[in-house]
Protein backbone atom coordinates (compact mmCIF):
# COMPACT_ATOMS: atom_id res chain seq x y z
CA UNK A 1 131.44 137.37 138.61
CA UNK A 2 127.73 136.45 138.44
CA UNK A 3 126.87 138.09 141.81
CA UNK A 4 128.84 141.28 141.16
CA UNK A 5 127.91 141.25 137.32
CA UNK A 6 131.27 141.83 135.86
CA UNK A 7 132.79 144.15 138.62
CA UNK A 8 129.59 146.10 139.03
CA UNK A 9 128.50 146.05 142.73
CA UNK A 10 124.75 145.76 141.95
CA UNK A 11 123.70 144.70 145.48
CA UNK A 12 125.47 147.48 147.30
CA UNK A 13 125.96 150.37 144.77
CA UNK A 14 122.75 152.35 143.67
CA UNK A 15 124.40 153.60 140.44
CA UNK A 16 125.86 150.20 139.56
CA UNK A 17 122.47 148.68 139.96
CA UNK A 18 120.79 151.09 137.55
CA UNK A 19 123.43 150.35 135.05
CA UNK A 20 122.84 146.75 135.42
CA UNK A 21 118.99 147.40 135.10
CA UNK A 22 119.59 149.30 131.86
CA UNK A 23 121.68 146.52 130.31
CA UNK A 24 119.28 143.96 131.35
CA UNK A 25 116.27 145.85 129.80
CA UNK A 26 118.20 146.20 126.41
CA UNK A 27 119.14 142.46 126.55
CA UNK A 28 115.60 141.36 127.16
CA UNK A 29 114.24 143.66 124.47
CA UNK A 30 116.84 142.49 121.86
CA UNK A 31 116.17 138.75 122.74
CA UNK A 32 112.36 139.32 122.55
CA UNK A 33 112.63 141.22 119.30
CA UNK A 34 114.60 138.45 117.56
CA UNK A 35 112.38 135.75 119.14
CA UNK A 36 109.41 137.45 117.60
CA UNK A 37 111.23 137.88 114.28
CA UNK A 38 112.22 134.28 114.19
CA UNK A 39 108.72 133.03 114.84
CA UNK A 40 106.81 135.42 112.46
CA UNK A 41 109.23 134.98 109.50
CA UNK A 42 108.88 131.23 109.81
CA UNK A 43 105.04 131.42 110.04
CA UNK A 44 104.81 133.89 107.17
CA UNK A 45 106.93 131.77 105.01
CA UNK A 46 104.75 128.61 105.48
CA UNK A 47 101.75 130.65 105.08
CA UNK A 48 102.98 132.31 101.80
CA UNK A 49 103.68 128.72 100.53
CA UNK A 50 100.20 127.46 101.41
CA UNK A 51 98.48 130.52 99.74
CA UNK A 52 100.45 129.81 96.59
CA UNK A 53 98.82 126.39 96.35
CA UNK A 54 95.56 127.84 97.08
CA UNK A 55 95.80 130.25 94.26
CA UNK A 56 96.68 127.30 91.84
CA UNK A 57 93.64 125.48 93.12
CA UNK A 58 91.47 128.58 92.20
CA UNK A 59 93.08 128.85 88.90
CA UNK A 60 92.48 125.14 88.15
CA UNK A 61 88.77 125.60 88.84
CA UNK A 62 88.59 128.46 86.68
CA UNK A 63 89.97 126.61 83.49
CA UNK A 64 87.45 126.78 80.59
CA UNK A 65 85.53 123.67 79.49
CA UNK A 66 86.76 121.73 76.47
CA UNK A 67 85.76 123.19 73.12
CA UNK A 68 86.27 122.44 69.43
CA UNK A 69 87.18 126.07 68.66
CA UNK A 70 90.83 126.07 67.61
CA UNK A 71 91.40 129.51 69.04
CA UNK A 72 89.97 128.93 72.37
CA UNK A 73 91.80 125.61 72.61
CA UNK A 74 95.17 127.51 71.86
CA UNK A 75 94.30 129.85 74.64
CA UNK A 76 93.47 127.08 77.06
CA UNK A 77 96.80 125.46 76.22
CA UNK A 78 98.73 128.62 77.04
CA UNK A 79 96.72 129.10 80.30
CA UNK A 80 97.53 125.45 81.16
CA UNK A 81 101.17 125.79 80.47
CA UNK A 82 101.33 128.78 82.74
CA UNK A 83 99.54 126.98 85.40
CA UNK A 84 101.92 124.04 85.27
CA UNK A 85 104.88 126.49 85.49
CA UNK A 86 103.24 128.27 88.44
CA UNK A 87 102.81 124.72 90.19
CA UNK A 88 106.36 123.88 89.52
CA UNK A 89 107.53 127.23 91.09
CA UNK A 90 105.26 126.68 94.05
CA UNK A 91 107.09 123.30 94.82
CA UNK A 92 110.32 125.29 94.50
CA UNK A 93 109.16 127.75 97.04
CA UNK A 94 108.29 124.95 99.32
CA UNK A 95 111.59 123.34 98.96
CA UNK A 96 113.26 126.58 99.84
CA UNK A 97 111.27 127.06 102.90
CA UNK A 98 111.75 123.56 103.95
CA UNK A 99 115.68 124.13 103.68
CA UNK A 100 115.42 127.29 105.70
CA UNK A 101 113.07 126.26 108.35
CA UNK A 102 113.72 122.59 109.15
CA UNK A 103 116.38 123.12 111.54
CA UNK A 104 114.87 126.03 113.61
CA UNK A 105 111.41 124.05 113.73
CA UNK A 106 113.14 120.84 114.89
CA UNK A 107 114.91 122.78 117.55
CA UNK A 108 111.65 124.41 118.76
CA UNK A 109 110.07 121.03 118.78
CA UNK A 110 113.00 119.49 120.88
CA UNK A 111 113.07 122.51 123.31
CA UNK A 112 109.24 122.32 123.80
CA UNK A 113 109.49 118.71 125.00
CA UNK A 114 112.30 119.69 127.45
CA UNK A 115 110.54 122.84 128.65
CA UNK A 116 107.13 121.06 129.21
CA UNK A 117 108.74 118.13 130.91
CA UNK A 118 110.79 120.33 133.38
CA UNK A 119 107.87 122.61 133.81
CA UNK A 120 105.58 119.80 134.97
CA UNK A 121 108.36 118.46 137.31
CA UNK A 122 108.68 121.88 138.83
CA UNK A 123 104.93 122.27 139.34
CA UNK A 124 104.77 118.75 140.96
CA UNK A 125 107.54 119.73 143.56
CA UNK A 126 106.52 123.08 144.62
CA UNK A 127 104.22 126.14 143.90
CA UNK A 128 105.73 129.66 144.50
CA UNK A 129 106.03 132.96 142.77
CA UNK A 130 108.27 131.55 140.12
CA UNK A 131 105.31 129.53 138.96
CA UNK A 132 104.43 132.61 136.80
CA UNK A 133 107.56 132.35 134.91
CA UNK A 134 107.27 128.78 134.39
CA UNK A 135 103.70 129.14 133.01
CA UNK A 136 104.72 131.97 130.89
CA UNK A 137 107.53 130.07 129.12
CA UNK A 138 105.10 127.06 128.94
CA UNK A 139 102.56 129.23 127.12
CA UNK A 140 104.97 130.66 124.68
CA UNK A 141 106.28 127.34 123.61
CA UNK A 142 102.76 126.04 123.55
CA UNK A 143 101.79 128.76 120.93
CA UNK A 144 104.86 128.44 118.94
CA UNK A 145 104.65 124.63 118.45
CA UNK A 146 101.03 124.70 117.83
CA UNK A 147 101.33 127.54 115.34
CA UNK A 148 103.98 125.56 113.32
CA UNK A 149 101.89 122.43 113.48
CA UNK A 150 98.76 124.24 112.29
CA UNK A 151 100.42 126.10 109.47
CA UNK A 152 102.25 122.87 108.42
CA UNK A 153 98.96 120.90 108.19
CA UNK A 154 97.37 123.74 106.25
CA UNK A 155 100.37 123.62 103.70
CA UNK A 156 99.93 119.96 103.18
CA UNK A 157 96.20 120.33 102.76
CA UNK A 158 96.46 123.12 100.21
CA UNK A 159 99.05 121.16 98.19
CA UNK A 160 96.79 118.21 98.09
CA UNK A 161 93.87 120.32 97.16
CA UNK A 162 95.55 121.05 93.90
CA UNK A 163 95.44 117.35 93.02
CA UNK A 164 91.77 116.91 93.87
CA UNK A 165 90.88 120.03 91.81
CA UNK A 166 92.49 118.38 88.75
CA UNK A 167 90.77 115.14 89.42
CA UNK A 168 87.38 117.00 89.49
CA UNK A 169 87.94 118.49 86.06
CA UNK A 170 86.64 116.55 83.02
CA UNK A 171 90.20 115.87 81.97
CA UNK A 172 89.28 112.85 79.95
CA UNK A 173 87.22 115.03 77.52
CA UNK A 174 90.25 117.34 76.69
CA UNK A 175 92.78 116.91 74.00
CA UNK A 176 95.85 114.46 74.33
CA UNK A 177 98.08 117.62 74.52
CA UNK A 178 96.03 119.02 77.45
CA UNK A 179 96.12 115.66 79.23
CA UNK A 180 99.80 115.66 79.18
CA UNK A 181 99.89 118.90 81.20
CA UNK A 182 97.26 117.62 83.61
CA UNK A 183 99.50 114.45 84.12
CA UNK A 184 102.47 116.64 85.17
CA UNK A 185 100.40 118.50 87.81
CA UNK A 186 98.95 115.18 89.00
CA UNK A 187 102.40 113.64 89.44
CA UNK A 188 103.68 116.43 91.35
CA UNK A 189 100.67 116.41 93.73
CA UNK A 190 101.28 112.69 94.57
CA UNK A 191 104.63 113.67 96.12
CA UNK A 192 104.18 114.38 99.83
CA UNK A 193 104.50 118.21 100.52
CA UNK A 194 105.01 119.93 103.84
CA UNK A 195 107.63 121.18 106.25
CA UNK A 196 109.64 118.72 108.24
CA UNK A 197 111.90 118.74 111.21
CA UNK A 198 115.29 117.91 109.67
CA UNK A 199 113.63 114.95 107.77
CA UNK A 200 112.70 113.08 111.01
CA UNK A 201 109.00 114.09 111.16
CA UNK A 202 106.47 116.20 109.26
CA UNK A 203 105.10 119.20 110.99
CA UNK A 204 101.37 118.88 111.14
CA UNK A 205 98.70 118.82 113.92
CA UNK A 206 99.42 115.21 114.73
CA UNK A 207 103.13 116.27 115.55
CA UNK A 208 101.72 118.75 118.14
CA UNK A 209 99.74 115.75 119.74
CA UNK A 210 102.76 113.66 119.60
CA UNK A 211 104.87 116.27 121.35
CA UNK A 212 102.27 116.57 124.24
CA UNK A 213 102.34 112.81 124.70
CA UNK A 214 106.01 112.52 124.65
CA UNK A 215 106.46 115.35 127.09
CA UNK A 216 104.10 113.74 129.68
CA UNK A 217 105.74 110.35 129.17
CA UNK A 218 109.15 111.75 129.90
CA UNK A 219 107.74 113.66 132.86
CA UNK A 220 106.40 110.42 134.32
CA UNK A 221 109.90 108.73 133.89
CA UNK A 222 111.83 111.44 135.45
CA UNK A 223 109.31 111.96 138.27
CA UNK A 224 109.63 108.18 139.06
CA UNK A 225 113.47 108.36 139.06
CA UNK A 226 113.32 111.57 141.37
CA UNK A 227 111.08 109.64 143.85
CA UNK A 228 113.52 106.82 143.96
CA UNK A 229 116.54 109.08 144.70
C-alpha cells in the first residue's frame, strides 16, 4: 500500500506520479499552515497576557499622589477601582490562556526531547543527505520551545512587575480606603503567574535549559545501550 500509494503506481506511471506529487504538496502545505497557526496563536496569546500586565504597571506608576482635596481623592478612588478590576481581568485572561495552552505546550516540550535525542543519535551514527532534514526538524523544535520559554518568562516578569510598582508607591500615605485596594492588587501579585505544562512545570527560560540537559542525558543513555547491543 505504501509503495503503490493506494493503487497509484507512482514508480512506473508518469501520470500517477504527478497525482501523488500534487496530493503531497497539498498535504505538506496544509500541515505547515496548521503548524504555523498553532505556534503563532499560542505565542500571541501569551504575549497579549504579558502586555496586559505591562499596561497595568504603567497605570500604577501614573496614579496621582495623595492629596487632601476631597474631589481629587474621589477621582483617585474611582481610578484605583478601575485598576483593581483591570488587574482581576488580567488574571482571568491568564487563566484562560493557561487552560488553552497547557496541553499543546507540554506536548511540544515532550516531542522536543524525543526529536533532539533521536537527532543526536542519528548524527552520531552516520552523516548523509538526510542530515539536512534532521537539522531542519531540530531547528524548528528549537525555535518553538525557546519561543514558548521566552514568552513564558516575560509573562511571569510582567505580572511580578505590577506588585513591584505598587510597592514603590507611597501607599502608606494614602487613606485607609485606598490602602484596601492596594492590598487586593498586592495579594494577587503574590500568587505565581505563568503558563505551565499540564501543571508539571512552569514554562520559562530555565525550562528550556532543562529540556536541553534532559535531551543530552537521554542521548547518552540510549547511545550506551546501542553500543552494548
